[in-house]
Amino acid sequence: MSELLELLGREKELFIEDLQRHETKLSAEVVRSRFLVLGGAGSIGQAVVREIFKRNPLKLHVVDISENNLVELVRDIRSQFGYIQGDFRTFALDIGSVEYDAYFAAEGQFDYILNLSALKHVRSEKDPYTLMRMVDVNVFNTDKTLKQAIDAGVKKYFCVSTDKAANPVNMMGASKRIMEMFLMRRSLQIDISTARFANVAFSDGSLLHGFNQRLEKHQPIVAPDDVRRYFVTPKESGELCLMSCIFGGNRDIFFPKLSEDLHLVSFADIARKYLKAKGLEPVLCADEDEARARAKAVPVQGKWPCLFTSSDTTGEKDFEEFFTDQESLDMTRFNEIGIVQNEPEFDGQRLEEFEAQIAAMKQKLVWSRQDLVELFHRMIPGFGHKETGKYLDSKM
């Protein structure tokens, strides 16, 4: 942990004080409760599962589409924590499937459901088919599992959002903003809370996780030098999600307060610190060809080829924000956590039209990326989608 914090330019974890103040109540609630974690084998999902497991829940079921990640999750938990008396099981299921529906009908006695499943990458908006799956996973699977939770009498539903849902400029962030609209509609029937947080350092598929892959495969490190982001550790993401789930009021969105402990860091700066921690010196290259050529000879005298470029791809946000000027905030309840407090405001007719238009596209088996972009614009007035014509898959 200390090495990771050093890479992020921090000396301590973010939520230590709040966890210490509320640990007794948090643990008491976990130990008597039954939990279902959806998307629980991803980086954030695994962090949430660890936070719940170590507090000895009465029941903890984990559902994820990735069989391999579930295997690693179980190995990790057994190696770190051992066993609990409660019912701990994992299920390799797609929550959009009939098999999941059968599972929930048989096993759906839960106090808390935490949904961590998502298509989280900006690069997923590059084609109309992956983009439609993003709508399904981020919006409709959420609404489906919410309805199931209501019908089963679940006490609380938590769903992770993203900082990119605040004034979104990309389709991923916009899909999460639309998801929040659907959450508001269901919040009239069940208590819901959520969380927005920054980039999770070294999470699966992230640029920082890719640094490990590049070194393992003797390939150059590539990163933007003009993009600065907030970062949380996987453990901190799990803590924030569980705190929101247990302590959040209906419609509350938890987020990390900005402070000297949580500050903007550039990907290029993290790359330099990462290589230094590995005993390597970055060698700056002028273009991809030079970087690839130099990579064939690495490591040479403790050096590693790097390509640091400006960002010019679709969907990159100039800055990160956890809330908008129009949202009501509670900044006093916790020391290190802020809360967006929402009223149940939503346009039911607009949500129904969104559902109908997506259903019509699917029925015809024909839709374009532009069709979805235009529909998102109708859902989110002022949606600042940034289209450059270039996507991350076109870069190293």
Protein backbone atom coordinates (compact mmCIF):
# COMPACT_ATOMS: atom_id res chain seq x y z
CA MET A 1 0.00 0.00 0.00
CA SER A 2 2.77 2.46 0.92
CA GLU A 3 4.43 1.97 -2.48
CA LEU A 4 1.13 2.66 -4.26
CA LEU A 5 0.48 5.79 -2.18
CA GLU A 6 3.98 7.00 -2.99
CA LEU A 7 3.25 6.64 -6.71
CA LEU A 8 0.14 8.76 -6.20
CA GLY A 9 2.10 11.38 -4.25
CA ARG A 10 0.31 10.70 -0.95
CA GLU A 11 1.39 9.79 2.56
CA LYS A 12 -1.83 8.29 3.95
CA GLU A 13 -5.07 6.61 2.96
CA LEU A 14 -8.07 8.86 2.39
CA PHE A 15 -10.79 7.58 4.71
CA ILE A 16 -8.89 6.54 7.85
CA GLU A 17 -10.56 9.00 10.22
CA ASP A 18 -14.11 8.30 9.05
CA LEU A 19 -13.60 4.55 9.20
CA GLN A 20 -12.21 4.76 12.73
CA ARG A 21 -15.15 6.88 13.88
CA HIS A 22 -17.80 4.61 12.37
CA GLU A 23 -16.16 1.16 12.48
CA THR A 24 -18.19 -0.17 15.42
CA LYS A 25 -21.50 0.66 13.76
CA LEU A 26 -20.27 -0.47 10.34
CA SER A 27 -19.09 -3.87 11.57
CA ALA A 28 -22.24 -4.40 13.66
CA GLU A 29 -24.42 -3.88 10.59
CA VAL A 30 -22.31 -6.11 8.34
CA VAL A 31 -22.18 -9.03 10.76
CA ARG A 32 -25.98 -9.30 10.92
CA SER A 33 -26.67 -8.68 7.23
CA ARG A 34 -26.92 -10.54 3.92
CA PHE A 35 -25.10 -9.11 0.89
CA LEU A 36 -25.18 -9.68 -2.86
CA VAL A 37 -22.36 -8.08 -4.85
CA LEU A 38 -22.94 -7.84 -8.61
CA GLY A 39 -19.86 -7.38 -10.76
CA GLY A 40 -17.92 -8.45 -7.71
CA ALA A 41 -14.85 -9.83 -9.50
CA GLY A 42 -13.69 -6.58 -11.09
CA SER A 43 -11.13 -4.42 -9.35
CA ILE A 44 -13.66 -2.31 -7.43
CA GLY A 45 -15.96 -5.28 -6.87
CA GLN A 46 -13.16 -7.34 -5.35
CA ALA A 47 -12.24 -4.44 -3.07
CA VAL A 48 -15.87 -4.20 -1.90
CA VAL A 49 -16.09 -7.95 -1.34
CA ARG A 50 -12.93 -7.87 0.80
CA GLU A 51 -14.32 -5.03 2.93
CA ILE A 52 -17.55 -6.98 3.54
CA PHE A 53 -15.91 -10.39 4.03
CA LYS A 54 -13.41 -9.24 6.66
CA ARG A 55 -16.32 -7.98 8.80
CA ASN A 56 -17.95 -11.47 8.90
CA PRO A 57 -21.30 -11.04 7.13
CA LEU A 58 -24.20 -13.41 7.66
CA LYS A 59 -24.33 -14.04 3.91
CA LEU A 60 -22.15 -12.88 1.01
CA HIS A 61 -22.82 -13.94 -2.56
CA VAL A 62 -20.75 -12.63 -5.46
CA VAL A 63 -21.91 -12.65 -9.09
CA ASP A 64 -19.69 -11.82 -12.04
CA ILE A 65 -19.45 -12.77 -15.71
CA SER A 66 -15.71 -13.47 -15.39
CA GLU A 67 -15.11 -17.02 -14.20
CA ASN A 68 -11.34 -16.50 -14.01
CA ASN A 69 -11.60 -13.35 -11.91
CA LEU A 70 -13.96 -15.10 -9.50
CA VAL A 71 -11.41 -17.89 -9.06
CA GLU A 72 -8.72 -15.32 -8.22
CA LEU A 73 -11.07 -13.50 -5.85
CA VAL A 74 -11.69 -16.69 -3.85
CA ARG A 75 -7.98 -17.57 -3.79
CA ASP A 76 -7.13 -14.06 -2.62
CA ILE A 77 -9.75 -14.04 0.14
CA ARG A 78 -8.84 -17.51 1.39
CA SER A 79 -5.15 -16.55 1.43
CA GLN A 80 -5.68 -13.22 3.19
CA PHE A 81 -8.66 -13.78 5.50
CA GLY A 82 -9.39 -17.51 5.59
CA TYR A 83 -13.03 -18.42 6.30
CA ILE A 84 -16.20 -17.07 7.89
CA GLN A 85 -19.19 -18.83 9.44
CA GLY A 86 -21.54 -17.02 7.06
CA ASP A 87 -22.68 -18.23 3.64
CA PHE A 88 -19.97 -17.15 1.17
CA ARG A 89 -20.41 -18.27 -2.47
CA THR A 90 -19.57 -17.05 -5.97
CA PHE A 91 -21.53 -17.46 -9.21
CA ALA A 92 -20.23 -17.02 -12.78
CA LEU A 93 -23.36 -15.44 -14.26
CA ASP A 94 -24.35 -12.61 -16.60
CA ILE A 95 -26.87 -10.51 -14.66
CA GLY A 96 -28.74 -9.87 -17.87
CA SER A 97 -29.37 -13.59 -18.37
CA VAL A 98 -32.23 -15.97 -17.55
CA GLU A 99 -29.77 -18.04 -15.50
CA TYR A 100 -29.23 -15.07 -13.22
CA ASP A 101 -32.99 -14.60 -12.92
CA ALA A 102 -33.32 -18.26 -11.85
CA TYR A 103 -30.51 -17.81 -9.34
CA PHE A 104 -32.11 -14.70 -7.84
CA ALA A 105 -35.52 -16.36 -7.63
CA ALA A 106 -33.95 -19.17 -5.58
CA GLU A 107 -31.38 -17.21 -3.54
CA GLY A 108 -32.66 -13.63 -3.49
CA GLN A 109 -33.01 -13.12 0.25
CA PHE A 110 -30.66 -10.19 0.83
CA ASP A 111 -30.56 -7.05 2.94
CA TYR A 112 -28.13 -5.20 0.68
CA ILE A 113 -27.40 -5.44 -3.04
CA LEU A 114 -24.29 -3.68 -4.35
CA ASN A 115 -24.01 -3.35 -8.12
CA LEU A 116 -20.44 -2.80 -9.30
CA SER A 117 -20.95 -4.13 -12.84
CA ALA A 118 -20.21 -1.62 -15.60
CA LEU A 119 -18.65 -0.96 -18.95
CA LYS A 120 -16.27 1.67 -17.63
CA HIS A 121 -13.94 2.50 -20.51
CA VAL A 122 -14.27 5.60 -22.67
CA ARG A 123 -12.90 3.47 -25.52
CA SER A 124 -16.13 1.41 -25.43
CA GLU A 125 -17.96 4.16 -27.32
CA LYS A 126 -15.95 3.64 -30.50
CA ASP A 127 -18.53 1.45 -32.28
CA PRO A 128 -22.35 1.19 -32.15
CA TYR A 129 -22.45 -2.42 -30.93
CA THR A 130 -20.19 -2.05 -27.89
CA LEU A 131 -21.92 1.25 -27.18
CA MET A 132 -25.30 -0.49 -27.11
CA ARG A 133 -23.90 -3.07 -24.70
CA MET A 134 -22.75 -0.18 -22.51
CA VAL A 135 -26.36 1.03 -22.42
CA ASP A 136 -27.53 -2.47 -21.50
CA VAL A 137 -24.98 -3.01 -18.73
CA ASN A 138 -24.87 0.47 -17.24
CA VAL A 139 -28.55 1.37 -17.54
CA PHE A 140 -30.92 -1.52 -18.19
CA ASN A 141 -29.21 -4.24 -16.14
CA THR A 142 -29.16 -1.77 -13.26
CA ASP A 143 -32.86 -1.06 -13.63
CA LYS A 144 -33.66 -4.77 -13.96
CA THR A 145 -31.80 -5.73 -10.79
CA LEU A 146 -33.36 -2.76 -9.00
CA LYS A 147 -36.84 -4.03 -9.83
CA GLN A 148 -35.89 -7.51 -8.62
CA ALA A 149 -34.58 -6.00 -5.38
CA ILE A 150 -37.86 -4.14 -4.86
CA ASP A 151 -39.93 -7.27 -5.50
CA ALA A 152 -37.75 -9.28 -3.08
CA GLY A 153 -38.01 -6.73 -0.26
CA VAL A 154 -34.31 -5.83 -0.24
CA LYS A 155 -33.47 -3.16 2.35
CA LYS A 156 -30.97 -1.11 0.34
CA TYR A 157 -29.53 -0.99 -3.19
CA PHE A 158 -26.12 0.52 -3.88
CA CYS A 159 -24.85 1.25 -7.37
CA VAL A 160 -21.47 2.71 -8.27
CA SER A 161 -21.47 5.75 -10.52
CA THR A 162 -18.49 7.80 -11.74
CA ASP A 163 -17.09 11.29 -11.50
CA LYS A 164 -17.54 11.36 -15.28
CA ALA A 165 -21.34 11.47 -14.74
CA ALA A 166 -21.02 15.04 -13.45
CA ASN A 167 -21.30 17.26 -16.55
CA PRO A 168 -20.41 14.30 -18.83
CA VAL A 169 -18.41 14.77 -22.04
CA ASN A 170 -18.22 11.10 -23.09
CA MET A 171 -20.78 8.38 -23.67
CA MET A 172 -19.57 6.30 -20.72
CA GLY A 173 -20.12 9.16 -18.31
CA ALA A 174 -23.42 10.00 -19.98
CA SER A 175 -24.63 6.40 -19.65
CA LYS A 176 -23.94 6.61 -15.91
CA ARG A 177 -25.77 9.94 -15.73
CA ILE A 178 -28.79 8.32 -17.41
CA MET A 179 -28.43 5.42 -14.97
CA GLU A 180 -28.70 7.94 -12.12
CA MET A 181 -31.99 9.17 -13.65
CA PHE A 182 -33.35 5.61 -13.57
CA LEU A 183 -32.15 5.31 -9.97
CA MET A 184 -34.18 8.39 -9.03
CA ARG A 185 -37.32 6.77 -10.44
CA ARG A 186 -36.82 3.57 -8.45
CA SER A 187 -35.86 5.51 -5.30
CA LEU A 188 -39.57 6.04 -4.69
CA GLN A 189 -39.81 2.27 -4.04
CA ILE A 190 -36.47 1.36 -2.41
CA ASP A 191 -33.64 3.16 -0.64
CA ILE A 192 -30.74 3.74 -3.03
CA SER A 193 -27.28 5.21 -2.56
CA THR A 194 -24.32 5.50 -4.86
CA ALA A 195 -20.76 6.81 -5.09
CA ARG A 196 -18.70 8.85 -7.49
CA PHE A 197 -14.95 8.57 -7.25
CA ALA A 198 -11.83 9.11 -9.27
CA ASN A 199 -9.69 6.73 -11.28
CA VAL A 200 -8.92 3.55 -9.35
CA ALA A 201 -5.15 3.12 -9.55
CA PHE A 202 -4.02 -0.07 -11.28
CA SER A 203 -7.57 -1.38 -11.72
CA ASP A 204 -8.08 -4.01 -14.40
CA GLY A 205 -7.80 -2.54 -17.89
CA SER A 206 -6.65 0.87 -16.69
CA LEU A 207 -3.64 2.65 -18.15
CA LEU A 208 -1.69 2.13 -14.93
CA HIS A 209 -2.51 -1.59 -14.93
CA GLY A 210 -1.17 -1.57 -18.48
CA PHE A 211 2.22 -0.41 -17.18
CA ASN A 212 2.66 -3.81 -15.53
CA GLN A 213 1.73 -5.54 -18.78
CA ARG A 214 4.13 -3.44 -20.84
CA LEU A 215 7.08 -4.28 -18.60
CA GLU A 216 6.20 -7.96 -18.55
CA LYS A 217 6.00 -8.01 -22.36
CA HIS A 218 9.05 -5.76 -22.95
CA GLN A 219 6.98 -3.04 -24.58
CA PRO A 220 7.22 0.76 -24.27
CA ILE A 221 5.34 2.76 -21.67
CA VAL A 222 2.87 5.18 -23.29
CA ALA A 223 0.93 7.87 -21.43
CA PRO A 224 -0.59 11.31 -22.00
CA ASP A 225 1.45 14.14 -20.51
CA ASP A 226 -1.38 16.71 -20.51
CA VAL A 227 -4.06 14.70 -18.63
CA ARG A 228 -4.19 15.07 -14.84
CA ARG A 229 -6.56 12.95 -12.80
CA TYR A 230 -7.55 12.16 -9.22
CA PHE A 231 -6.68 8.63 -8.11
CA VAL A 232 -7.94 6.40 -5.32
CA THR A 233 -6.54 3.01 -4.40
CA PRO A 234 -8.65 -0.13 -4.89
CA LYS A 235 -8.98 -0.44 -1.10
CA GLU A 236 -10.25 3.14 -0.84
CA SER A 237 -12.81 2.50 -3.58
CA GLY A 238 -14.13 -0.50 -1.63
CA GLU A 239 -14.31 1.50 1.59
CA LEU A 240 -16.22 4.37 -0.03
CA CYS A 241 -18.72 2.00 -1.65
CA LEU A 242 -19.42 0.14 1.60
CA MET A 243 -19.71 3.39 3.59
CA SER A 244 -22.25 4.71 1.07
CA CYS A 245 -24.16 1.43 1.09
CA ILE A 246 -24.46 1.26 4.88
CA PHE A 247 -24.63 4.93 5.87
CA GLY A 248 -26.00 6.68 2.79
CA GLY A 249 -29.52 8.06 2.93
CA ASN A 250 -31.94 7.51 0.08
CA ARG A 251 -30.55 9.07 -3.12
CA ASP A 252 -27.24 10.09 -1.52
CA ILE A 253 -24.10 10.09 -3.66
CA PHE A 254 -20.85 9.77 -1.69
CA PHE A 255 -17.60 11.22 -3.06
CA PRO A 256 -14.09 11.88 -1.71
CA LYS A 257 -13.57 15.44 -0.53
CA LEU A 258 -10.86 17.31 -2.37
CA SER A 259 -7.95 18.03 -0.05
CA GLU A 260 -4.17 18.06 0.02
CA ASP A 261 -4.38 14.26 0.28
CA LEU A 262 -6.38 13.91 -2.93
CA HIS A 263 -4.78 15.94 -5.68
CA LEU A 264 -4.43 15.85 -9.42
CA VAL A 265 -1.62 13.69 -10.80
CA SER A 266 -0.58 13.32 -14.43
CA PHE A 267 -0.28 9.89 -16.02
CA ALA A 268 3.21 10.78 -17.25
CA ASP A 269 4.36 11.68 -13.73
CA ILE A 270 3.04 8.38 -12.37
CA ALA A 271 4.84 6.56 -15.21
CA ARG A 272 8.13 8.20 -14.22
CA LYS A 273 7.66 7.31 -10.54
CA TYR A 274 6.57 3.78 -11.49
CA LEU A 275 9.71 3.16 -13.51
CA LYS A 276 11.92 4.67 -10.81
CA ALA A 277 10.36 2.29 -8.27
CA LYS A 278 11.31 -0.56 -10.61
CA GLY A 279 14.89 0.71 -10.79
CA LEU A 280 14.45 1.99 -14.35
CA GLU A 281 15.09 5.35 -16.00
CA PRO A 282 12.57 6.58 -18.62
CA VAL A 283 13.99 7.26 -22.09
CA LEU A 284 11.74 9.67 -23.98
CA CYS A 285 10.95 8.72 -27.58
CA ALA A 286 9.75 10.99 -30.38
CA ASP A 287 7.13 8.67 -31.87
CA GLU A 288 5.67 5.13 -31.79
CA ASP A 289 8.22 3.76 -34.27
CA GLU A 290 11.15 4.85 -32.10
CA ALA A 291 9.45 3.53 -28.97
CA ARG A 292 8.82 0.12 -30.53
CA ALA A 293 12.36 -0.07 -31.88
CA ARG A 294 13.93 0.82 -28.52
CA ALA A 295 11.68 -1.69 -26.73
CA LYS A 296 13.35 -4.55 -28.60
CA ALA A 297 16.55 -3.86 -26.70
CA VAL A 298 15.15 -3.29 -23.19
CA PRO A 299 16.19 -3.22 -20.51
CA VAL A 300 19.52 -1.69 -21.45
CA GLN A 301 21.54 -0.19 -18.59
CA GLY A 302 18.43 0.28 -16.49
CA LYS A 303 16.53 2.35 -19.09
CA TRP A 304 13.01 1.97 -20.50
CA PRO A 305 11.47 3.59 -23.61
CA CYS A 306 8.55 5.96 -22.99
CA LEU A 307 6.25 7.91 -25.27
CA PHE A 308 4.48 10.81 -23.59
CA THR A 309 2.02 12.55 -25.90
CA SER A 310 -0.82 15.05 -25.79
CA SER A 311 -4.37 13.72 -25.58
CA ASP A 312 -6.43 14.01 -28.75
CA THR A 313 -8.98 11.19 -28.50
CA THR A 314 -12.76 11.36 -28.24
CA GLY A 315 -14.29 11.60 -24.79
CA GLU A 316 -11.36 12.87 -22.73
CA LYS A 317 -12.55 15.30 -20.09
CA ASP A 318 -10.41 18.38 -19.49
CA PHE A 319 -10.91 18.19 -15.73
CA GLU A 320 -12.59 15.97 -13.14
CA GLU A 321 -15.44 16.93 -10.86
CA PHE A 322 -17.49 14.97 -8.33
CA PHE A 323 -20.55 17.25 -8.34
CA THR A 324 -22.13 20.10 -10.30
CA ASP A 325 -23.15 23.62 -9.31
CA GLN A 326 -26.80 22.54 -9.38
CA GLU A 327 -26.43 19.76 -6.83
CA SER A 328 -27.05 20.13 -3.09
CA LEU A 329 -24.13 19.08 -0.88
CA ASP A 330 -23.60 17.90 2.69
CA MET A 331 -19.94 18.49 3.54
CA THR A 332 -20.24 18.16 7.32
CA ARG A 333 -21.39 14.61 8.06
CA PHE A 334 -17.98 13.01 7.41
CA ASN A 335 -14.44 14.32 7.64
CA GLU A 336 -13.20 13.01 4.30
CA ILE A 337 -16.40 12.20 2.42
CA GLY A 338 -18.80 14.63 0.81
CA ILE A 339 -22.41 13.81 -0.06
CA VAL A 340 -24.61 14.92 -2.95
CA GLN A 341 -28.19 14.96 -1.64
CA ASN A 342 -30.76 14.43 -4.37
CA GLU A 343 -34.46 15.00 -4.57
CA PRO A 344 -36.38 12.37 -6.57
CA GLU A 345 -36.32 14.50 -9.70
CA PHE A 346 -36.72 12.70 -13.02
CA ASP A 347 -38.74 12.96 -16.21
CA GLY A 348 -40.72 9.73 -16.33
CA GLN A 349 -41.89 10.32 -19.89
CA ARG A 350 -38.34 10.90 -21.09
CA LEU A 351 -37.18 7.67 -19.43
CA GLU A 352 -40.01 5.73 -21.08
CA GLU A 353 -39.13 7.23 -24.47
CA PHE A 354 -35.49 6.22 -23.96
CA GLU A 355 -36.55 2.64 -23.20
CA ALA A 356 -38.86 2.55 -26.22
CA GLN A 357 -36.30 3.93 -28.66
CA ILE A 358 -33.59 1.55 -27.52
CA ALA A 359 -36.04 -1.37 -27.81
CA ALA A 360 -36.97 -0.28 -31.35
CA MET A 361 -33.32 -0.15 -32.41
CA LYS A 362 -32.72 -3.64 -31.04
CA GLN A 363 -35.81 -5.06 -32.72
CA LYS A 364 -34.62 -3.82 -36.12
CA LEU A 365 -31.04 -4.99 -35.41
CA VAL A 366 -29.93 -1.73 -37.00
CA TRP A 367 -28.60 1.36 -35.26
CA SER A 368 -25.69 3.70 -35.70
CA ARG A 369 -23.37 5.30 -33.23
CA GLN A 370 -24.86 8.65 -34.20
CA ASP A 371 -28.37 7.37 -33.36
CA LEU A 372 -27.22 6.67 -29.81
CA VAL A 373 -25.29 9.94 -29.50
CA GLU A 374 -28.39 11.91 -30.56
CA LEU A 375 -30.56 9.95 -28.11
CA PHE A 376 -28.12 10.73 -25.30
CA HIS A 377 -28.26 14.42 -26.22
CA ARG A 378 -32.06 14.33 -25.88
CA MET A 379 -31.74 12.69 -22.47
CA ILE A 380 -29.09 15.11 -21.18
CA PRO A 381 -29.64 18.71 -22.33
CA GLY A 382 -26.29 20.42 -22.65
CA PHE A 383 -24.42 17.10 -22.97
CA GLY A 384 -20.91 18.24 -23.92
CA HIS A 385 -19.88 15.27 -26.01
CA LYS A 386 -16.39 15.79 -27.43
CA GLU A 387 -15.97 14.12 -30.83
CA THR A 388 -12.46 14.26 -32.31
CA GLY A 389 -12.76 11.40 -34.79
CA LYS A 390 -9.93 9.57 -33.03
CA TYR A 391 -10.28 6.81 -30.42
CA LEU A 392 -7.94 5.16 -27.93
CA ASP A 393 -7.78 1.94 -29.98
CA SER A 394 -5.94 3.92 -32.67
CA LYS A 395 -3.03 4.55 -30.29
CA MET A 396 -0.45 2.31 -28.61
